[in-house]
């Protein structure tokens, strides 16, 4: 029995990957009724240098392909359209529909499992030799480098490096003596085909990394929302400025690749090597499609890496805003309310029929539908002026009338200042009420407000009692106990008598002289 445990577990896992809602998108592509149509169309438009297309452009291209296939006698069905195919492939995970940052147009691209399935079909259609000298040489070279770089012994690493140096010196001597021949012909084409097989897998890895980042972003948000309490590991990291997206395994792996890819020296060396290899005669032994792919491979990597980097940066910023704006608290509260409602619904389902009529009215959200015949068309002529324009001659400007308009809209501080000066000259010290008694408010409440402002500017102090006489030195116990307020009165523009209680602010001519 223990020997069969692994078989049972593997069978169950493969069953999950091949059937059900969690089935692998690549296996779904291979199990379609018209796999040949889907594989040919998707490989032609999304499997080469172009890996992403706007939805409208992809629909138009597939419509042309469907018309050509029908003319060739391929049974597709009359009602099948490009949009139908794209919707079906998207629902099965074969296509991924996204909206690029900064744009509104939706785009389609292949999912990572679908790309792997197309590569498998391409290998079945054009199989490459599996047992080749170049493949064994590549494996041996990588293994030698791994053994050398992972050796903890300094002596061992030095010995390996010296052996490598001796081999290079021996190769230099053979080249100088003319004992070697450059690689060409079938051997060069075989090596290049092996390199091309590795290069074809790299763009597909970008789709896999992007899918992992999307899943990671969703997982982090779910952990933040479902986490009990107000703090947690993810929240603490985000508040401390730790980027959980870039510090993930997928993020670190991609950033390491991007660092090497964007290194100026390494990038220039890669471009030079590609140009030199493509200029070799043995390149003509490869199919035209392989040569075109290798020629545009560098540009494809640049575009795909930029898209992945943009996705990673967008997720990092979005997660940081989600936490720092406290938006997760509202999501958490909503999740708790939904869980509570589901628990109550499950409890009620045991005793209540789901079709039972209830007395509660529930307003559902939605859009109002109406007949187009009920619309009233806009008539531009309704806004047209039919009457003749009456011309009015410009009248002479009345300065006195303009002054009255300004007085009605602004406080006449100049007039109030003159009133204060006149009262202080006559009394020596005065409050606002005494100034208004000498000079009534010509602007009503505006005059009172203006006097309060000017009193504050002049440094007026609170006076417990109105001061009699010019010296302002009369104070008794009763006066000190009086409240520092006074009542002022004025007549409004409508002729109504108004009054208000204001602070008793004392202004003096001596303070005014010192201020000047």
Protein backbone atom coordinates (compact mmCIF):
# COMPACT_ATOMS: atom_id res chain seq x y z
CA UNK A 1 0.00 0.00 0.00
CA UNK A 2 2.72 2.61 0.77
CA UNK A 3 4.14 2.11 -2.74
CA UNK A 4 0.85 3.18 -4.31
CA UNK A 5 0.36 6.30 -2.19
CA UNK A 6 2.40 8.47 -4.56
CA UNK A 7 0.51 7.15 -7.57
CA UNK A 8 -2.86 7.97 -6.03
CA UNK A 9 -1.77 11.49 -5.05
CA UNK A 10 -0.31 12.10 -8.50
CA UNK A 11 -3.45 10.81 -10.20
CA UNK A 12 -5.67 13.08 -8.11
CA UNK A 13 -3.47 16.11 -8.80
CA UNK A 14 -3.42 15.41 -12.55
CA UNK A 15 -7.19 14.99 -12.50
CA UNK A 16 -7.49 18.41 -10.89
CA UNK A 17 -5.20 19.94 -13.51
CA UNK A 18 -7.01 18.35 -16.45
CA UNK A 19 -10.67 18.72 -15.41
CA UNK A 20 -12.83 20.94 -13.28
CA UNK A 21 -12.71 24.68 -12.59
CA UNK A 22 -9.00 24.59 -11.65
CA UNK A 23 -7.92 22.86 -14.85
CA UNK A 24 -4.72 24.08 -16.48
CA UNK A 25 -5.40 26.51 -19.33
CA UNK A 26 -2.82 24.79 -21.52
CA UNK A 27 -4.56 21.43 -21.16
CA UNK A 28 -7.88 23.11 -21.89
CA UNK A 29 -6.42 24.48 -25.11
CA UNK A 30 -5.27 21.00 -26.14
CA UNK A 31 -8.71 19.54 -25.34
CA UNK A 32 -10.80 22.02 -27.34
CA UNK A 33 -13.12 20.70 -30.05
CA UNK A 34 -11.24 22.77 -32.62
CA UNK A 35 -7.76 22.82 -31.14
CA UNK A 36 -6.21 23.11 -34.60
CA UNK A 37 -8.09 26.35 -35.29
CA UNK A 38 -7.36 27.89 -31.90
CA UNK A 39 -3.68 26.93 -31.95
CA UNK A 40 -3.11 28.21 -35.49
CA UNK A 41 -4.91 31.52 -34.90
CA UNK A 42 -3.37 32.27 -31.50
CA UNK A 43 0.15 31.28 -32.55
CA UNK A 44 -0.07 33.47 -35.65
CA UNK A 45 -1.21 36.63 -33.85
CA UNK A 46 0.05 36.33 -30.25
CA UNK A 47 2.82 33.73 -30.32
CA UNK A 48 5.57 35.61 -32.13
CA UNK A 49 7.13 39.04 -31.76
CA UNK A 50 3.67 40.56 -31.16
CA UNK A 51 2.45 39.19 -27.83
CA UNK A 52 -0.32 41.66 -27.04
CA UNK A 53 -3.04 43.17 -29.23
CA UNK A 54 -6.00 45.49 -28.65
CA UNK A 55 -9.27 43.58 -28.48
CA UNK A 56 -10.72 45.26 -31.57
CA UNK A 57 -7.60 44.53 -33.64
CA UNK A 58 -7.52 40.88 -32.59
CA UNK A 59 -11.22 40.49 -33.43
CA UNK A 60 -10.63 41.92 -36.90
CA UNK A 61 -7.64 39.64 -37.58
CA UNK A 62 -9.48 36.53 -36.40
CA UNK A 63 -12.52 37.41 -38.55
CA UNK A 64 -10.24 37.41 -41.60
CA UNK A 65 -8.80 34.05 -40.53
CA UNK A 66 -12.26 32.55 -40.04
CA UNK A 67 -13.34 33.70 -43.50
CA UNK A 68 -10.24 32.11 -45.03
CA UNK A 69 -10.80 28.86 -43.10
CA UNK A 70 -14.42 28.65 -44.27
CA UNK A 71 -13.32 29.15 -47.86
CA UNK A 72 -10.83 26.30 -47.37
CA UNK A 73 -13.66 24.00 -46.25
CA UNK A 74 -13.01 23.98 -42.49
CA UNK A 75 -16.25 23.48 -40.54
CA UNK A 76 -16.65 26.31 -38.04
CA UNK A 77 -20.37 26.98 -37.82
CA UNK A 78 -22.18 29.95 -39.29
CA UNK A 79 -22.88 31.69 -35.97
CA UNK A 80 -19.30 31.51 -34.69
CA UNK A 81 -17.56 34.90 -34.68
CA UNK A 82 -14.19 36.17 -33.55
CA UNK A 83 -15.73 37.74 -30.45
CA UNK A 84 -17.35 34.40 -29.58
CA UNK A 85 -14.02 32.61 -29.82
CA UNK A 86 -12.20 35.26 -27.77
CA UNK A 87 -14.84 35.22 -25.05
CA UNK A 88 -14.66 31.42 -24.90
CA UNK A 89 -10.86 31.38 -24.73
CA UNK A 90 -10.85 34.10 -22.09
CA UNK A 91 -13.37 32.24 -19.90
CA UNK A 92 -11.17 29.13 -20.10
CA UNK A 93 -8.01 31.01 -19.10
CA UNK A 94 -6.35 30.69 -22.51
CA UNK A 95 -6.46 34.43 -23.14
CA UNK A 96 -5.90 37.17 -20.59
CA UNK A 97 -7.72 40.47 -21.06
CA UNK A 98 -6.13 43.48 -19.41
CA UNK A 99 -6.18 47.25 -19.55
CA UNK A 100 -2.75 48.81 -19.75
CA UNK A 101 -1.86 51.56 -17.28
CA UNK A 102 -2.64 55.01 -18.60
CA UNK A 103 -5.02 53.73 -21.29
CA UNK A 104 -8.64 52.72 -21.66
CA UNK A 105 -8.31 50.17 -24.47
CA UNK A 106 -8.48 46.51 -23.47
CA UNK A 107 -5.85 44.14 -24.80
CA UNK A 108 -5.56 40.38 -25.21
CA UNK A 109 -2.51 38.24 -24.54
CA UNK A 110 -1.80 34.55 -24.07
CA UNK A 111 -1.69 33.12 -20.58
CA UNK A 112 1.49 31.35 -19.49
CA UNK A 113 -0.05 27.81 -19.68
CA UNK A 114 -1.43 28.55 -23.15
CA UNK A 115 2.03 29.64 -24.35
CA UNK A 116 3.50 26.39 -23.00
CA UNK A 117 0.83 24.40 -24.87
CA UNK A 118 1.60 26.24 -28.13
CA UNK A 119 5.33 25.54 -27.68
CA UNK A 120 4.53 21.86 -27.19
CA UNK A 121 2.46 21.79 -30.40
CA UNK A 122 5.27 23.58 -32.27
CA UNK A 123 7.76 20.95 -31.08
CA UNK A 124 5.40 18.18 -32.20
CA UNK A 125 5.01 19.86 -35.58
CA UNK A 126 8.73 20.56 -36.02
CA UNK A 127 10.62 18.23 -33.67
CA UNK A 128 14.22 19.08 -32.87
CA UNK A 129 16.91 16.44 -32.24
CA UNK A 130 16.91 15.75 -28.51
CA UNK A 131 20.31 14.02 -28.30
CA UNK A 132 22.86 16.48 -29.68
CA UNK A 133 26.45 17.31 -28.94
CA UNK A 134 25.60 20.97 -28.33
CA UNK A 135 23.02 20.08 -25.69
CA UNK A 136 25.47 17.85 -23.85
CA UNK A 137 28.13 20.56 -24.12
CA UNK A 138 25.73 23.15 -22.68
CA UNK A 139 24.81 20.87 -19.78
CA UNK A 140 28.45 20.03 -19.06
CA UNK A 141 29.48 23.70 -19.19
CA UNK A 142 26.71 24.77 -16.82
CA UNK A 143 27.53 21.88 -14.48
CA UNK A 144 31.23 22.79 -14.42
CA UNK A 145 30.39 26.41 -13.60
CA UNK A 146 28.01 25.34 -10.84
CA UNK A 147 30.56 22.99 -9.25
CA UNK A 148 33.24 25.68 -9.39
CA UNK A 149 31.09 28.52 -8.05
CA UNK A 150 29.51 26.43 -5.27
CA UNK A 151 32.78 24.96 -3.99
CA UNK A 152 33.29 26.24 -0.40
CA UNK A 153 37.01 25.41 -0.58
CA UNK A 154 39.28 28.21 -1.74
CA UNK A 155 41.84 25.69 -3.00
CA UNK A 156 39.20 23.88 -5.04
CA UNK A 157 37.97 27.07 -6.69
CA UNK A 158 41.52 28.20 -7.46
CA UNK A 159 42.34 24.82 -8.97
CA UNK A 160 39.24 24.96 -11.19
CA UNK A 161 40.04 28.51 -12.31
CA UNK A 162 43.66 27.57 -13.08
CA UNK A 163 42.48 24.56 -15.08
CA UNK A 164 40.12 26.83 -17.00
CA UNK A 165 42.96 29.27 -17.61
CA UNK A 166 45.24 26.47 -18.87
CA UNK A 167 42.51 25.29 -21.24
CA UNK A 168 42.11 28.83 -22.58
CA UNK A 169 45.88 29.19 -23.03
CA UNK A 170 46.01 25.89 -24.91
CA UNK A 171 43.14 27.00 -27.14
CA UNK A 172 44.95 30.29 -27.82
CA UNK A 173 48.08 28.36 -28.88
CA UNK A 174 46.08 26.16 -31.25
CA UNK A 175 44.42 29.21 -32.83
CA UNK A 176 47.76 30.97 -33.23
CA UNK A 177 49.29 27.89 -34.86
CA UNK A 178 46.32 27.46 -37.22
CA UNK A 179 45.33 24.04 -35.86
CA UNK A 180 41.61 24.92 -35.32
CA UNK A 181 38.74 25.53 -37.68
CA UNK A 182 35.79 27.83 -36.94
CA UNK A 183 32.47 26.19 -36.21
CA UNK A 184 30.18 26.22 -39.20
CA UNK A 185 27.73 24.26 -41.25
CA UNK A 186 25.53 21.75 -39.48
CA UNK A 187 27.35 22.03 -36.15
CA UNK A 188 26.86 25.82 -35.99
CA UNK A 189 23.20 25.51 -36.95
CA UNK A 190 22.76 22.81 -34.29
CA UNK A 191 24.24 25.04 -31.58
CA UNK A 192 22.14 28.00 -32.67
CA UNK A 193 18.99 25.87 -32.65
CA UNK A 194 19.80 24.83 -29.08
CA UNK A 195 20.21 28.49 -28.09
CA UNK A 196 16.97 29.34 -29.87
CA UNK A 197 15.11 26.64 -27.92
CA UNK A 198 16.18 28.30 -24.67
CA UNK A 199 15.43 31.80 -25.99
CA UNK A 200 11.87 30.84 -26.96
CA UNK A 201 11.05 30.03 -23.33
CA UNK A 202 12.05 33.43 -21.92
CA UNK A 203 9.12 35.55 -23.22
CA UNK A 204 6.71 32.93 -21.92
CA UNK A 205 8.33 33.23 -18.50
CA UNK A 206 7.26 36.88 -18.40
CA UNK A 207 3.61 35.84 -18.64
CA UNK A 208 4.16 33.38 -15.81
CA UNK A 209 5.82 36.05 -13.66
CA UNK A 210 2.98 38.47 -14.36
CA UNK A 211 0.42 35.82 -13.38
CA UNK A 212 2.35 35.14 -10.16
CA UNK A 213 2.40 38.87 -9.35
CA UNK A 214 -1.35 39.15 -9.93
CA UNK A 215 -1.97 36.17 -7.64
CA UNK A 216 0.42 37.59 -5.02
CA UNK A 217 -1.28 41.00 -5.07
CA UNK A 218 -4.68 39.36 -4.60
CA UNK A 219 -3.34 37.13 -1.81
CA UNK A 220 -1.79 40.07 0.08
CA UNK A 221 -5.03 42.04 -0.08
CA UNK A 222 -7.02 39.04 1.13
CA UNK A 223 -4.61 38.55 4.02
CA UNK A 224 -4.93 42.22 5.00
CA UNK A 225 -8.74 42.09 4.89
CA UNK A 226 -9.14 38.71 6.60
CA UNK A 227 -6.49 39.37 9.25
CA UNK A 228 -8.04 39.74 12.74
CA UNK A 229 -7.15 42.87 14.67
CA UNK A 230 -5.76 46.13 13.39
CA UNK A 231 -2.17 45.01 12.88
CA UNK A 232 -0.41 42.08 11.30
CA UNK A 233 2.70 40.99 9.46
CA UNK A 234 1.66 42.37 6.06
CA UNK A 235 0.35 45.63 7.54
CA UNK A 236 3.49 46.16 9.60
CA UNK A 237 5.70 45.59 6.56
CA UNK A 238 3.73 48.02 4.40
CA UNK A 239 3.68 50.70 7.12
CA UNK A 240 7.46 50.30 7.51
CA UNK A 241 7.90 50.77 3.76
CA UNK A 242 8.72 47.14 2.93
CA UNK A 243 7.67 46.30 -0.63
CA UNK A 244 6.04 42.88 -0.34
CA UNK A 245 5.65 42.63 -4.13
CA UNK A 246 9.30 43.23 -5.01
CA UNK A 247 10.57 41.21 -2.04
CA UNK A 248 8.60 38.12 -3.08
CA UNK A 249 10.30 35.19 -4.80
CA UNK A 250 8.87 36.12 -8.20
CA UNK A 251 9.79 39.78 -7.67
CA UNK A 252 13.38 39.06 -6.64
CA UNK A 253 13.88 36.67 -9.56
CA UNK A 254 12.55 39.18 -12.08
CA UNK A 255 14.54 42.10 -10.64
CA UNK A 256 17.73 40.04 -10.83
CA UNK A 257 17.00 39.29 -14.49
CA UNK A 258 16.17 42.94 -15.15
CA UNK A 259 19.38 44.14 -13.51
CA UNK A 260 21.48 41.94 -15.80
CA UNK A 261 19.36 42.73 -18.84
CA UNK A 262 19.66 46.50 -18.33
CA UNK A 263 23.37 46.44 -17.54
CA UNK A 264 24.94 48.61 -20.28
CA UNK A 265 28.02 46.45 -20.77
CA UNK A 266 26.16 43.13 -20.77
CA UNK A 267 23.40 44.53 -22.99
CA UNK A 268 25.87 45.87 -25.54
CA UNK A 269 27.76 42.58 -25.56
CA UNK A 270 24.51 40.64 -26.11
CA UNK A 271 23.55 42.87 -29.05
CA UNK A 272 26.97 42.47 -30.64
CA UNK A 273 26.90 38.69 -30.27
CA UNK A 274 23.43 38.44 -31.80
CA UNK A 275 24.47 40.57 -34.77
CA UNK A 276 27.63 38.53 -35.31
CA UNK A 277 25.84 35.17 -35.09
CA UNK A 278 23.10 36.26 -37.48
CA UNK A 279 25.81 37.23 -39.97
CA UNK A 280 27.32 33.71 -40.00
CA UNK A 281 26.65 31.53 -43.09
CA UNK A 282 25.20 28.61 -41.09
CA UNK A 283 22.24 30.78 -40.03
CA UNK A 284 20.75 30.14 -43.48
CA UNK A 285 20.24 26.50 -42.47
CA UNK A 286 17.57 27.57 -39.94
CA UNK A 287 13.95 28.22 -40.96
CA UNK A 288 12.99 31.80 -41.80
CA UNK A 289 10.66 31.99 -38.79
CA UNK A 290 13.50 31.07 -36.41
CA UNK A 291 15.80 33.69 -37.90
CA UNK A 292 13.15 36.39 -37.61
CA UNK A 293 12.41 35.38 -34.04
CA UNK A 294 16.07 35.55 -33.04
CA UNK A 295 16.53 38.88 -34.81
CA UNK A 296 13.65 40.46 -32.85
CA UNK A 297 14.25 38.55 -29.62
CA UNK A 298 16.06 41.42 -27.90
CA UNK A 299 13.24 43.87 -28.62
CA UNK A 300 10.64 41.37 -27.42
CA UNK A 301 12.49 40.97 -24.13
CA UNK A 302 12.70 44.73 -23.70
CA UNK A 303 8.96 45.21 -24.26
CA UNK A 304 7.88 42.31 -22.05
CA UNK A 305 10.25 43.19 -19.21
CA UNK A 306 9.00 46.79 -19.26
CA UNK A 307 5.40 45.56 -19.03
CA UNK A 308 6.20 43.28 -16.09
CA UNK A 309 8.09 46.07 -14.34
CA UNK A 310 5.15 48.42 -14.85
CA UNK A 311 2.77 45.80 -13.46
CA UNK A 312 5.00 45.24 -10.42
CA UNK A 313 5.31 48.96 -9.72
CA UNK A 314 1.57 49.48 -10.11
CA UNK A 315 0.77 46.68 -7.67
CA UNK A 316 3.28 48.00 -5.12
CA UNK A 317 1.87 51.54 -5.22
CA UNK A 318 -1.72 50.29 -5.15
CA UNK A 319 -1.05 48.07 -2.13
CA UNK A 320 0.70 50.93 -0.32
CA UNK A 321 -2.24 53.29 -0.96
CA UNK A 322 -4.68 50.55 0.08
CA UNK A 323 -2.99 50.32 3.48
CA UNK A 324 -1.97 53.93 4.14
CA UNK A 325 -5.39 55.33 3.18
CA UNK A 326 -7.03 52.89 5.62
CA UNK A 327 -9.24 51.63 2.79
CA UNK A 328 -8.64 48.08 4.00
CA UNK A 329 -10.69 48.87 7.12
CA UNK A 330 -13.78 49.49 5.00
CA UNK A 331 -13.15 46.29 3.04
CA UNK A 332 -12.68 44.40 6.28
CA UNK A 333 -15.93 45.78 7.67
CA UNK A 334 -17.73 44.82 4.46
CA UNK A 335 -16.28 41.29 4.63
CA UNK A 336 -17.49 40.95 8.21
CA UNK A 337 -20.97 42.14 7.25
CA UNK A 338 -21.09 39.67 4.36
CA UNK A 339 -19.96 36.82 6.59
CA UNK A 340 -22.59 37.75 9.17
CA UNK A 341 -25.29 37.94 6.49
CA UNK A 342 -24.28 34.55 5.09
CA UNK A 343 -24.41 33.01 8.56
CA UNK A 344 -27.89 34.43 9.14
CA UNK A 345 -29.01 33.25 5.71
CA UNK A 346 -27.74 29.74 6.39
CA UNK A 347 -29.59 29.70 9.70
CA UNK A 348 -32.80 30.96 8.07
CA UNK A 349 -32.53 28.46 5.21
CA UNK A 350 -33.15 25.62 7.65
CA UNK A 351 -36.66 26.87 8.45
CA UNK A 352 -37.62 29.24 5.62
CA UNK A 353 -38.23 28.52 1.95
CA UNK A 354 -36.09 30.59 -0.44
CA UNK A 355 -39.21 31.56 -2.44
CA UNK A 356 -41.22 32.74 0.55
CA UNK A 357 -42.74 36.19 0.10
CA UNK A 358 -41.44 38.76 2.57
CA UNK A 359 -42.90 42.06 3.72
CA UNK A 360 -39.54 43.83 3.43
CA UNK A 361 -39.00 46.05 0.39
CA UNK A 362 -35.52 45.93 -1.12
CA UNK A 363 -34.38 48.53 -3.62
CA UNK A 364 -32.02 46.88 -6.08
CA UNK A 365 -29.35 48.80 -7.95
CA UNK A 366 -29.51 48.86 -11.71
CA UNK A 367 -30.19 50.98 -14.74
CA UNK A 368 -33.55 52.24 -15.93
CA UNK A 369 -34.62 50.90 -19.31
CA UNK A 370 -36.76 52.88 -21.71
CA UNK A 371 -37.81 52.96 -25.33
CA UNK A 372 -35.76 55.03 -27.70
CA UNK A 373 -39.05 56.46 -28.95
CA UNK A 374 -39.50 58.24 -25.63
CA UNK A 375 -36.34 60.26 -26.14
CA UNK A 376 -36.69 63.90 -27.13
CA UNK A 377 -34.14 64.94 -29.69
CA UNK A 378 -32.08 68.04 -29.10
CA UNK A 379 -32.90 70.87 -31.48
CA UNK A 380 -30.07 73.42 -31.74
CA UNK A 381 -32.56 75.99 -33.03
CA UNK A 382 -34.20 76.11 -29.60
CA UNK A 383 -31.15 77.91 -28.22
CA UNK A 384 -31.04 80.43 -31.07
CA UNK A 385 -32.03 84.03 -30.20
CA UNK A 386 -34.76 85.25 -32.54
CA UNK A 387 -35.10 88.82 -31.22
CA UNK A 388 -32.95 91.61 -32.56
CA UNK A 389 -30.07 92.75 -30.41
CA UNK A 390 -30.75 96.17 -28.88
CA UNK A 391 -27.81 98.53 -28.88
CA UNK A 392 -27.19 100.73 -25.84
CA UNK A 393 -24.86 103.72 -26.09
CA UNK A 394 -22.16 104.12 -23.47
CA UNK A 395 -23.17 106.71 -20.84
CA UNK A 396 -20.83 109.17 -19.09
CA UNK A 397 -19.27 107.91 -15.86
CA UNK A 398 -20.70 109.53 -12.69
CA UNK A 399 -17.90 109.53 -10.11
CA UNK A 400 -20.26 110.25 -7.22
CA UNK A 401 -22.50 107.34 -8.22
CA UNK A 402 -19.47 105.08 -8.43
CA UNK A 403 -18.44 106.17 -4.92
CA UNK A 404 -21.88 105.22 -3.58
CA UNK A 405 -21.61 101.81 -5.23
CA UNK A 406 -18.21 101.24 -3.64
CA UNK A 407 -19.54 102.37 -0.25
CA UNK A 408 -22.43 99.92 -0.55
CA UNK A 409 -20.08 97.01 -1.19
CA UNK A 410 -17.12 97.94 1.02
CA UNK A 411 -16.59 99.38 4.51
CA UNK A 412 -15.55 103.04 4.33
CA UNK A 413 -12.54 102.78 6.64
CA UNK A 414 -11.36 106.26 5.71
CA UNK A 415 -14.59 107.83 7.00
CA UNK A 416 -14.45 105.75 10.19
CA UNK A 417 -10.85 106.76 10.78
CA UNK A 418 -11.83 110.43 10.54
CA UNK A 419 -14.66 109.82 13.04
CA UNK A 420 -12.23 108.23 15.51
CA UNK A 421 -9.77 111.11 15.15
CA UNK A 422 -12.52 113.67 15.74
CA UNK A 423 -13.86 111.92 18.86
CA UNK A 424 -10.38 111.44 20.35
CA UNK A 425 -9.55 115.08 19.68
CA UNK A 426 -12.66 116.14 21.57
CA UNK A 427 -12.68 113.53 24.37
CA UNK A 428 -9.07 112.38 24.72
CA UNK A 429 -10.26 108.79 25.22
CA UNK A 430 -13.38 107.18 23.77
CA UNK A 431 -15.07 103.84 23.25
CA UNK A 432 -16.82 102.68 20.09
CA UNK A 433 -20.21 103.54 21.57
CA UNK A 434 -19.07 107.09 22.30
CA UNK A 435 -17.66 107.45 18.78
CA UNK A 436 -20.99 106.31 17.32
CA UNK A 437 -22.76 108.77 19.59
CA UNK A 438 -20.63 111.56 18.10
CA UNK A 439 -20.78 110.25 14.53
CA UNK A 440 -23.74 107.96 13.67
CA UNK A 441 -23.10 104.83 11.60
CA UNK A 442 -23.61 105.80 7.96
CA UNK A 443 -23.23 102.19 6.77
CA UNK A 444 -25.17 100.49 9.53
CA UNK A 445 -23.65 97.27 10.83
CA UNK A 446 -20.70 97.66 8.45
CA UNK A 447 -19.66 100.82 10.32
CA UNK A 448 -19.73 98.98 13.67
CA UNK A 449 -17.60 96.15 12.27
CA UNK A 450 -15.18 98.67 10.76
CA UNK A 451 -14.78 100.45 14.11
CA UNK A 452 -14.03 97.12 15.83
CA UNK A 453 -11.34 96.36 13.24
CA UNK A 454 -9.74 99.79 13.57
CA UNK A 455 -9.84 99.59 17.38
CA UNK A 456 -7.93 96.31 17.27
CA UNK A 457 -5.37 97.82 14.90
CA UNK A 458 -4.87 100.81 17.24
CA UNK A 459 -4.20 98.52 20.23
CA UNK A 460 -7.39 99.39 22.12
CA UNK A 461 -7.83 97.78 25.53
CA UNK A 462 -10.93 96.60 27.37
CA UNK A 463 -12.39 99.32 29.57
CA UNK A 464 -14.52 98.29 32.53
CA UNK A 465 -16.42 101.55 32.58
CA UNK A 466 -16.77 104.51 30.24
CA UNK A 467 -14.22 107.16 31.16
CA UNK A 468 -15.38 110.64 32.02
CA UNK A 469 -13.06 113.50 31.26
CA UNK A 470 -10.00 113.88 29.19
CA UNK A 471 -7.56 112.39 31.69
CA UNK A 472 -9.33 109.02 31.82
CA UNK A 473 -8.47 108.42 35.52
CA UNK A 474 -11.73 107.57 37.30
CA UNK A 475 -12.09 104.11 38.84
CA UNK A 476 -14.16 102.81 41.73
CA UNK A 477 -14.93 99.36 43.05
CA UNK A 478 -18.33 99.39 41.35
CA UNK A 479 -16.81 100.36 38.02
CA UNK A 480 -14.17 97.65 38.22
CA UNK A 481 -16.91 95.07 38.76
CA UNK A 482 -18.84 96.21 35.66
CA UNK A 483 -18.82 93.90 32.62
CA UNK A 484 -16.48 95.14 29.84
CA UNK A 485 -19.26 95.42 27.22
CA UNK A 486 -21.39 98.24 25.87
CA UNK A 487 -24.50 98.60 23.74
CA UNK A 488 -24.32 100.38 20.39
CA UNK A 489 -27.21 101.37 18.11
CA UNK A 490 -27.66 102.32 14.48
CA UNK A 491 -30.32 102.71 11.80
CA UNK A 492 -30.38 100.26 8.88
CA UNK A 493 -30.95 101.24 5.24
CA UNK A 494 -34.60 100.24 5.63
CA UNK A 495 -34.97 102.70 8.53
CA UNK A 496 -35.10 100.02 11.24
CA UNK A 497 -33.40 100.72 14.55
CA UNK A 498 -30.83 98.05 15.41
CA UNK A 499 -28.63 97.49 18.47
CA UNK A 500 -25.89 95.09 19.54
CA UNK A 501 -23.66 94.39 22.52
CA UNK A 502 -19.94 94.62 21.76
CA UNK A 503 -16.72 94.61 23.81
CA UNK A 504 -15.98 97.97 25.43
CA UNK A 505 -12.73 98.86 23.70
CA UNK A 506 -11.00 102.02 24.91
CA UNK A 507 -8.98 104.15 22.48
CA UNK A 508 -6.91 107.15 23.51
CA UNK A 509 -5.25 110.00 21.66
CA UNK A 510 -1.96 109.30 23.49
CA UNK A 511 -1.84 105.71 22.19
CA UNK A 512 -2.61 106.95 18.71
CA UNK A 513 0.25 109.47 18.89
CA UNK A 514 2.68 106.78 20.14
CA UNK A 515 1.60 104.42 17.35
CA UNK A 516 2.37 107.06 14.77
